C-alpha cells in the first residue's frame, strides 16, 4: 500500500501526547496534514481510518488498491448465473456484511463489514462466491449496501403467490431432469407451485 501511494520515503510517528501533534510534520515531506481521527472501535476500523488518511495526503491518491489474499479488507464477487439466492451465505456471515433483499429476492453486501474470512464461499452450495481482497477508500462504496444480485420472485403457477426465486426454480428443475420421480410433465409442473398448491395438485383425481 505504501508503494502504491508513493509514501515509502515519508516518516510516520505515533504519539500518546496529542499536544505536539502539529509540530510532527517532517520538514522534508510534502505532507502537511496530521491525522486527527480517533482510534476507537475495532482494530479494523482504526486501520481503515489510518489508511484512508494516508491516501488523502499521498502523492498518488488511489480509489482502490488490490491486497494480497488473506488481507483484512475486501469484497466478494458473485457468479450471478450460478447464484440461486438461497441465502446460505447470509446466514453464516459473522460480520453481517451480507444481507438479503427483504421483500424482494436480492443479495447485498456492505463491504466495510466484510472480514474476508471465506465462510460464505464455503457455505455456498453453488460455489458461486469468490473473495476479492482490496482496500476501497470511498466511504459510500464501502459502507452502503450494494446489490450483488437481484431478481423478480418466482410466482406459483396455480395461485400466483411468490414463493421462491427464478434462479432457484430453474436450477432445481435442471438438476431433477431425468429423475424417475419427475419423468412426467405434471410432476415437473408441481416444482413450479407453492407448497399448498403442490399438495392440492397431487390429490386431484
C-alpha atoms as a PDB file:
ATOM      1  CA  UNK A   1       0.000   0.000   0.000  1.00  0.00           C
ATOM      2  CA  UNK A   2       2.812   2.388   0.908  1.00  0.00           C
ATOM      3  CA  UNK A   3       4.387   1.858  -2.513  1.00  0.00           C
ATOM      4  CA  UNK A   4       1.060   2.316  -4.321  1.00  0.00           C
ATOM      5  CA  UNK A   5       0.571   5.659  -2.557  1.00  0.00           C
ATOM      6  CA  UNK A   6       4.215   6.667  -3.109  1.00  0.00           C
ATOM      7  CA  UNK A   7       4.802   7.146   0.611  1.00  0.00           C
ATOM      8  CA  UNK A   8       7.911   4.976   1.013  1.00  0.00           C
ATOM      9  CA  UNK A   9      10.208   7.930   1.844  1.00  0.00           C
ATOM     10  CA  UNK A  10       7.868   9.629   4.310  1.00  0.00           C
ATOM     11  CA  UNK A  11       8.297   9.485   8.084  1.00  0.00           C
ATOM     12  CA  UNK A  12       5.438   8.374  10.291  1.00  0.00           C
ATOM     13  CA  UNK A  13       5.061   8.980  14.021  1.00  0.00           C
ATOM     14  CA  UNK A  14       2.680   7.713  16.680  1.00  0.00           C
ATOM     15  CA  UNK A  15       2.363   9.546  19.992  1.00  0.00           C
ATOM     16  CA  UNK A  16       0.420   9.262  23.233  1.00  0.00           C
ATOM     17  CA  UNK A  17       0.553  13.007  23.963  1.00  0.00           C
ATOM     18  CA  UNK A  18      -1.631  14.867  21.465  1.00  0.00           C
ATOM     19  CA  UNK A  19      -0.330  18.355  22.312  1.00  0.00           C
ATOM     20  CA  UNK A  20       2.679  18.498  19.962  1.00  0.00           C
ATOM     21  CA  UNK A  21       0.922  16.841  17.005  1.00  0.00           C
ATOM     22  CA  UNK A  22       1.094  19.914  14.813  1.00  0.00           C
ATOM     23  CA  UNK A  23       4.898  20.006  15.049  1.00  0.00           C
ATOM     24  CA  UNK A  24       5.423  16.424  13.916  1.00  0.00           C
ATOM     25  CA  UNK A  25       5.393  17.042  10.181  1.00  0.00           C
ATOM     26  CA  UNK A  26       8.749  16.011   8.704  1.00  0.00           C
ATOM     27  CA  UNK A  27      10.444  19.079   7.231  1.00  0.00           C
ATOM     28  CA  UNK A  28      11.467  17.185   4.086  1.00  0.00           C
ATOM     29  CA  UNK A  29       7.994  15.829   3.423  1.00  0.00           C
ATOM     30  CA  UNK A  30       5.316  17.213   1.149  1.00  0.00           C
ATOM     31  CA  UNK A  31       2.705  16.106   3.651  1.00  0.00           C
ATOM     32  CA  UNK A  32       1.366  18.935   5.757  1.00  0.00           C
ATOM     33  CA  UNK A  33      -1.627  17.174   7.265  1.00  0.00           C
ATOM     34  CA  UNK A  34      -1.736  15.415  10.628  1.00  0.00           C
ATOM     35  CA  UNK A  35      -4.303  12.651  11.181  1.00  0.00           C
ATOM     36  CA  UNK A  36      -6.942  13.672  13.680  1.00  0.00           C
ATOM     37  CA  UNK A  37      -9.243  10.635  13.667  1.00  0.00           C
ATOM     38  CA  UNK A  38      -9.928   8.859  16.969  1.00  0.00           C
ATOM     39  CA  UNK A  39      -8.596   5.328  17.317  1.00  0.00           C
ATOM     40  CA  UNK A  40     -11.838   3.983  18.760  1.00  0.00           C
ATOM     41  CA  UNK A  41     -13.841   0.916  17.920  1.00  0.00           C
ATOM     42  CA  UNK A  42     -12.365  -2.217  16.372  1.00  0.00           C
ATOM     43  CA  UNK A  43      -8.776  -2.614  15.185  1.00  0.00           C
ATOM     44  CA  UNK A  44     -10.085  -2.968  11.629  1.00  0.00           C
ATOM     45  CA  UNK A  45     -11.818   0.409  11.826  1.00  0.00           C
ATOM     46  CA  UNK A  46      -8.665   2.041  13.171  1.00  0.00           C
ATOM     47  CA  UNK A  47      -6.547   0.541  10.397  1.00  0.00           C
ATOM     48  CA  UNK A  48      -9.088   1.634   7.771  1.00  0.00           C
ATOM     49  CA  UNK A  49      -9.099   5.179   9.178  1.00  0.00           C
ATOM     50  CA  UNK A  50      -5.291   5.295   9.132  1.00  0.00           C
ATOM     51  CA  UNK A  51      -5.082   4.031   5.546  1.00  0.00           C
ATOM     52  CA  UNK A  52      -7.794   6.447   4.441  1.00  0.00           C
ATOM     53  CA  UNK A  53      -5.830   9.350   5.940  1.00  0.00           C
ATOM     54  CA  UNK A  54      -2.607   8.228   4.260  1.00  0.00           C
ATOM     55  CA  UNK A  55      -4.443   8.035   0.952  1.00  0.00           C
ATOM     56  CA  UNK A  56      -5.845  11.541   1.384  1.00  0.00           C
ATOM     57  CA  UNK A  57      -2.362  13.045   1.748  1.00  0.00           C
ATOM     58  CA  UNK A  58      -0.415  10.744  -0.583  1.00  0.00           C
ATOM     59  CA  UNK A  59       1.433  11.797  -3.722  1.00  0.00           C
ATOM     60  CA  UNK A  60      -0.523   9.152  -5.676  1.00  0.00           C
ATOM     61  CA  UNK A  61      -4.039   9.102  -4.254  1.00  0.00           C
ATOM     62  CA  UNK A  62      -5.893   5.899  -5.121  1.00  0.00           C
ATOM     63  CA  UNK A  63      -9.582   4.991  -5.307  1.00  0.00           C
ATOM     64  CA  UNK A  64      -8.947   1.309  -4.633  1.00  0.00           C
ATOM     65  CA  UNK A  65      -5.867  -0.884  -4.052  1.00  0.00           C
ATOM     66  CA  UNK A  66      -5.763  -4.658  -4.542  1.00  0.00           C
ATOM     67  CA  UNK A  67      -4.477  -6.551  -1.487  1.00  0.00           C
ATOM     68  CA  UNK A  68      -2.894  -9.997  -1.057  1.00  0.00           C
ATOM     69  CA  UNK A  69      -5.220 -12.932  -0.396  1.00  0.00           C
ATOM     70  CA  UNK A  70      -5.999 -13.252   3.306  1.00  0.00           C
ATOM     71  CA  UNK A  71      -5.966  -9.500   3.973  1.00  0.00           C
ATOM     72  CA  UNK A  72      -8.358  -7.822   6.407  1.00  0.00           C
ATOM     73  CA  UNK A  73     -10.363  -5.886   3.844  1.00  0.00           C
ATOM     74  CA  UNK A  74     -12.200  -6.648   0.628  1.00  0.00           C
ATOM     75  CA  UNK A  75     -15.396  -7.636  -1.080  1.00  0.00           C
ATOM     76  CA  UNK A  76     -16.825 -10.806  -2.602  1.00  0.00           C
ATOM     77  CA  UNK A  77     -17.581 -11.468  -6.245  1.00  0.00           C
ATOM     78  CA  UNK A  78     -20.690 -13.485  -7.045  1.00  0.00           C
ATOM     79  CA  UNK A  79     -21.294 -15.554 -10.166  1.00  0.00           C
ATOM     80  CA  UNK A  80     -24.795 -14.302 -10.933  1.00  0.00           C
ATOM     81  CA  UNK A  81     -25.572 -17.191 -13.263  1.00  0.00           C
ATOM     82  CA  UNK A  82     -24.739 -19.786 -10.617  1.00  0.00           C
ATOM     83  CA  UNK A  83     -26.209 -17.980  -7.576  1.00  0.00           C
ATOM     84  CA  UNK A  84     -29.767 -19.057  -6.700  1.00  0.00           C
ATOM     85  CA  UNK A  85     -30.227 -16.504  -3.891  1.00  0.00           C
ATOM     86  CA  UNK A  86     -30.633 -19.317  -1.368  1.00  0.00           C
ATOM     87  CA  UNK A  87     -29.152 -17.001   1.301  1.00  0.00           C
ATOM     88  CA  UNK A  88     -26.911 -19.673   2.816  1.00  0.00           C
ATOM     89  CA  UNK A  89     -24.092 -17.105   2.734  1.00  0.00           C
ATOM     90  CA  UNK A  90     -26.190 -14.517   4.569  1.00  0.00           C
ATOM     91  CA  UNK A  91     -26.990 -16.916   7.405  1.00  0.00           C
ATOM     92  CA  UNK A  92     -23.323 -17.688   8.157  1.00  0.00           C
ATOM     93  CA  UNK A  93     -21.676 -14.273   7.645  1.00  0.00           C
ATOM     94  CA  UNK A  94     -20.091 -13.345  11.018  1.00  0.00           C
ATOM     95  CA  UNK A  95     -19.609  -9.680  10.145  1.00  0.00           C
ATOM     96  CA  UNK A  96     -23.151  -9.075   8.868  1.00  0.00           C
ATOM     97  CA  UNK A  97     -21.592  -7.962   5.591  1.00  0.00           C
ATOM     98  CA  UNK A  98     -24.121  -9.959   3.563  1.00  0.00           C
ATOM     99  CA  UNK A  99     -27.821  -9.116   3.674  1.00  0.00           C
ATOM    100  CA  UNK A 100     -30.952 -10.334   1.964  1.00  0.00           C
ATOM    101  CA  UNK A 101     -33.295  -8.121  -0.013  1.00  0.00           C
ATOM    102  CA  UNK A 102     -36.156  -8.131   2.455  1.00  0.00           C
ATOM    103  CA  UNK A 103     -39.396  -8.375   0.481  1.00  0.00           C
ATOM    104  CA  UNK A 104     -37.647  -8.997  -2.850  1.00  0.00           C
ATOM    105  CA  UNK A 105     -35.041 -11.626  -3.807  1.00  0.00           C
ATOM    106  CA  UNK A 106     -31.627  -9.957  -3.558  1.00  0.00           C
ATOM    107  CA  UNK A 107     -28.158 -10.431  -2.114  1.00  0.00           C
ATOM    108  CA  UNK A 108     -26.487  -7.281  -0.799  1.00  0.00           C
ATOM    109  CA  UNK A 109     -23.022  -6.509   0.539  1.00  0.00           C
ATOM    110  CA  UNK A 110     -21.712  -3.921   2.997  1.00  0.00           C
ATOM    111  CA  UNK A 111     -18.031  -4.042   2.074  1.00  0.00           C
ATOM    112  CA  UNK A 112     -16.797  -2.333   5.244  1.00  0.00           C
ATOM    113  CA  UNK A 113     -18.134  -5.288   7.277  1.00  0.00           C
ATOM    114  CA  UNK A 114     -16.523  -7.994   5.116  1.00  0.00           C
ATOM    115  CA  UNK A 115     -13.849  -9.881   7.105  1.00  0.00           C
ATOM    116  CA  UNK A 116     -12.550 -11.872   4.119  1.00  0.00           C
ATOM    117  CA  UNK A 117     -12.973 -14.995   6.267  1.00  0.00           C
ATOM    118  CA  UNK A 118     -14.276 -17.152   3.407  1.00  0.00           C
ATOM    119  CA  UNK A 119     -17.119 -18.720   5.403  1.00  0.00           C
ATOM    120  CA  UNK A 120     -19.680 -17.541   2.846  1.00  0.00           C
ATOM    121  CA  UNK A 121     -17.720 -19.113  -0.024  1.00  0.00           C
ATOM    122  CA  UNK A 122     -17.508 -22.427   1.826  1.00  0.00           C
ATOM    123  CA  UNK A 123     -21.230 -22.357   2.656  1.00  0.00           C
ATOM    124  CA  UNK A 124     -22.380 -21.605  -0.910  1.00  0.00           C
ATOM    125  CA  UNK A 125     -23.881 -24.812  -2.405  1.00  0.00           C
ATOM    126  CA  UNK A 126     -23.356 -23.497  -5.935  1.00  0.00           C
ATOM    127  CA  UNK A 127     -19.719 -22.409  -5.329  1.00  0.00           C
ATOM    128  CA  UNK A 128     -20.686 -19.015  -6.720  1.00  0.00           C
ATOM    129  CA  UNK A 129     -18.615 -16.827  -4.358  1.00  0.00           C
ATOM    130  CA  UNK A 130     -15.008 -15.694  -4.632  1.00  0.00           C
ATOM    131  CA  UNK A 131     -13.109 -13.453  -2.202  1.00  0.00           C
ATOM    132  CA  UNK A 132     -11.611 -10.232  -3.557  1.00  0.00           C
ATOM    133  CA  UNK A 133      -9.144  -8.651  -1.109  1.00  0.00           C
ATOM    134  CA  UNK A 134      -8.843  -4.890  -1.569  1.00  0.00           C
ATOM    135  CA  UNK A 135      -8.998  -1.572   0.258  1.00  0.00           C
ATOM    136  CA  UNK A 136     -11.510   0.859  -1.215  1.00  0.00           C
ATOM    137  CA  UNK A 137     -11.249   4.424   0.040  1.00  0.00           C
ATOM    138  CA  UNK A 138     -14.709   5.740  -0.879  1.00  0.00           C
ATOM    139  CA  UNK A 139     -16.896   5.748   2.247  1.00  0.00           C
ATOM    140  CA  UNK A 140     -20.193   5.452   0.360  1.00  0.00           C
ATOM    141  CA  UNK A 141     -18.944   2.467  -1.624  1.00  0.00           C
ATOM    142  CA  UNK A 142     -17.786   0.539   1.429  1.00  0.00           C
ATOM    143  CA  UNK A 143     -20.494   1.449   3.954  1.00  0.00           C
ATOM    144  CA  UNK A 144     -23.666   1.378   1.826  1.00  0.00           C
ATOM    145  CA  UNK A 145     -25.468  -1.889   0.959  1.00  0.00           C
ATOM    146  CA  UNK A 146     -24.639  -2.825  -2.642  1.00  0.00           C
ATOM    147  CA  UNK A 147     -26.681  -5.349  -4.617  1.00  0.00           C
ATOM    148  CA  UNK A 148     -24.611  -8.296  -5.849  1.00  0.00           C
ATOM    149  CA  UNK A 149     -27.626  -9.999  -7.412  1.00  0.00           C
ATOM    150  CA  UNK A 150     -31.352  -9.307  -7.516  1.00  0.00           C
ATOM    151  CA  UNK A 151     -34.269 -10.667  -9.490  1.00  0.00           C
ATOM    152  CA  UNK A 152     -38.050 -10.943  -9.581  1.00  0.00           C
ATOM    153  CA  UNK A 153     -39.583 -13.648  -7.352  1.00  0.00           C
ATOM    154  CA  UNK A 154     -40.981 -16.809  -8.922  1.00  0.00           C
ATOM    155  CA  UNK A 155     -44.755 -16.965  -8.623  1.00  0.00           C
ATOM    156  CA  UNK A 156     -46.761 -20.145  -8.177  1.00  0.00           C
ATOM    157  CA  UNK A 157     -48.212 -21.342 -11.478  1.00  0.00           C
ATOM    158  CA  UNK A 158     -51.506 -22.121  -9.738  1.00  0.00           C
ATOM    159  CA  UNK A 159     -52.245 -19.305  -7.278  1.00  0.00           C
ATOM    160  CA  UNK A 160     -49.665 -16.686  -8.260  1.00  0.00           C
ATOM    161  CA  UNK A 161     -48.089 -16.426  -4.798  1.00  0.00           C
ATOM    162  CA  UNK A 162     -44.346 -15.584  -4.775  1.00  0.00           C
ATOM    163  CA  UNK A 163     -42.601 -18.480  -3.046  1.00  0.00           C
ATOM    164  CA  UNK A 164     -39.067 -18.836  -4.470  1.00  0.00           C
ATOM    165  CA  UNK A 165     -36.529 -17.177  -6.729  1.00  0.00           C
ATOM    166  CA  UNK A 166     -36.438 -17.513 -10.507  1.00  0.00           C
ATOM    167  CA  UNK A 167     -32.933 -18.971 -10.458  1.00  0.00           C
ATOM    168  CA  UNK A 168     -33.717 -21.449  -7.680  1.00  0.00           C
ATOM    169  CA  UNK A 169     -36.645 -22.959  -9.606  1.00  0.00           C
ATOM    170  CA  UNK A 170     -34.548 -23.056 -12.778  1.00  0.00           C
ATOM    171  CA  UNK A 171     -31.642 -24.798 -11.024  1.00  0.00           C
ATOM    172  CA  UNK A 172     -33.915 -27.277  -9.237  1.00  0.00           C
ATOM    173  CA  UNK A 173     -35.739 -28.156 -12.483  1.00  0.00           C
ATOM    174  CA  UNK A 174     -32.448 -28.732 -14.322  1.00  0.00           C
ATOM    175  CA  UNK A 175     -30.963 -30.887 -11.540  1.00  0.00           C
ATOM    176  CA  UNK A 176     -34.070 -33.103 -11.307  1.00  0.00           C
ATOM    177  CA  UNK A 177     -34.356 -33.530 -15.066  1.00  0.00           C
ATOM    178  CA  UNK A 178     -34.237 -37.252 -15.855  1.00  0.00           C
ATOM    179  CA  UNK A 179     -35.047 -38.332 -12.271  1.00  0.00           C
ATOM    180  CA  UNK A 180     -37.667 -41.087 -12.261  1.00  0.00           C
ATOM    181  CA  UNK A 181     -39.928 -39.135  -9.884  1.00  0.00           C
ATOM    182  CA  UNK A 182     -40.097 -36.257 -12.353  1.00  0.00           C
ATOM    183  CA  UNK A 183     -40.397 -38.098 -15.654  1.00  0.00           C
ATOM    184  CA  UNK A 184     -43.815 -36.650 -16.495  1.00  0.00           C
ATOM    185  CA  UNK A 185     -44.955 -33.081 -17.177  1.00  0.00           C
ATOM    186  CA  UNK A 186     -47.326 -32.986 -14.166  1.00  0.00           C
ATOM    187  CA  UNK A 187     -44.535 -33.740 -11.690  1.00  0.00           C
ATOM    188  CA  UNK A 188     -42.268 -31.108 -13.225  1.00  0.00           C
ATOM    189  CA  UNK A 189     -45.115 -28.589 -13.111  1.00  0.00           C
ATOM    190  CA  UNK A 190     -45.504 -29.195  -9.351  1.00  0.00           C
ATOM    191  CA  UNK A 191     -41.959 -27.894  -8.852  1.00  0.00           C
ATOM    192  CA  UNK A 192     -43.285 -24.555 -10.024  1.00  0.00           C
ATOM    193  CA  UNK A 193     -46.095 -24.480  -7.450  1.00  0.00           C
ATOM    194  CA  UNK A 194     -46.081 -23.264  -3.855  1.00  0.00           C
ATOM    195  CA  UNK A 195     -46.238 -25.816  -1.047  1.00  0.00           C
ATOM    196  CA  UNK A 196     -50.031 -25.560  -0.705  1.00  0.00           C
ATOM    197  CA  UNK A 197     -50.900 -25.832  -4.397  1.00  0.00           C
ATOM    198  CA  UNK A 198     -48.417 -28.696  -4.800  1.00  0.00           C
ATOM    199  CA  UNK A 199     -50.274 -30.814  -2.234  1.00  0.00           C
ATOM    200  CA  UNK A 200     -53.666 -29.955  -3.730  1.00  0.00           C
ATOM    201  CA  UNK A 201     -52.447 -30.899  -7.204  1.00  0.00           C
ATOM    202  CA  UNK A 202     -51.092 -34.271  -6.012  1.00  0.00           C
ATOM    203  CA  UNK A 203     -54.509 -35.300  -4.657  1.00  0.00           C
ATOM    204  CA  UNK A 204     -56.520 -34.191  -7.643  1.00  0.00           C
ATOM    205  CA  UNK A 205     -58.390 -37.023  -9.302  1.00  0.00           C
END
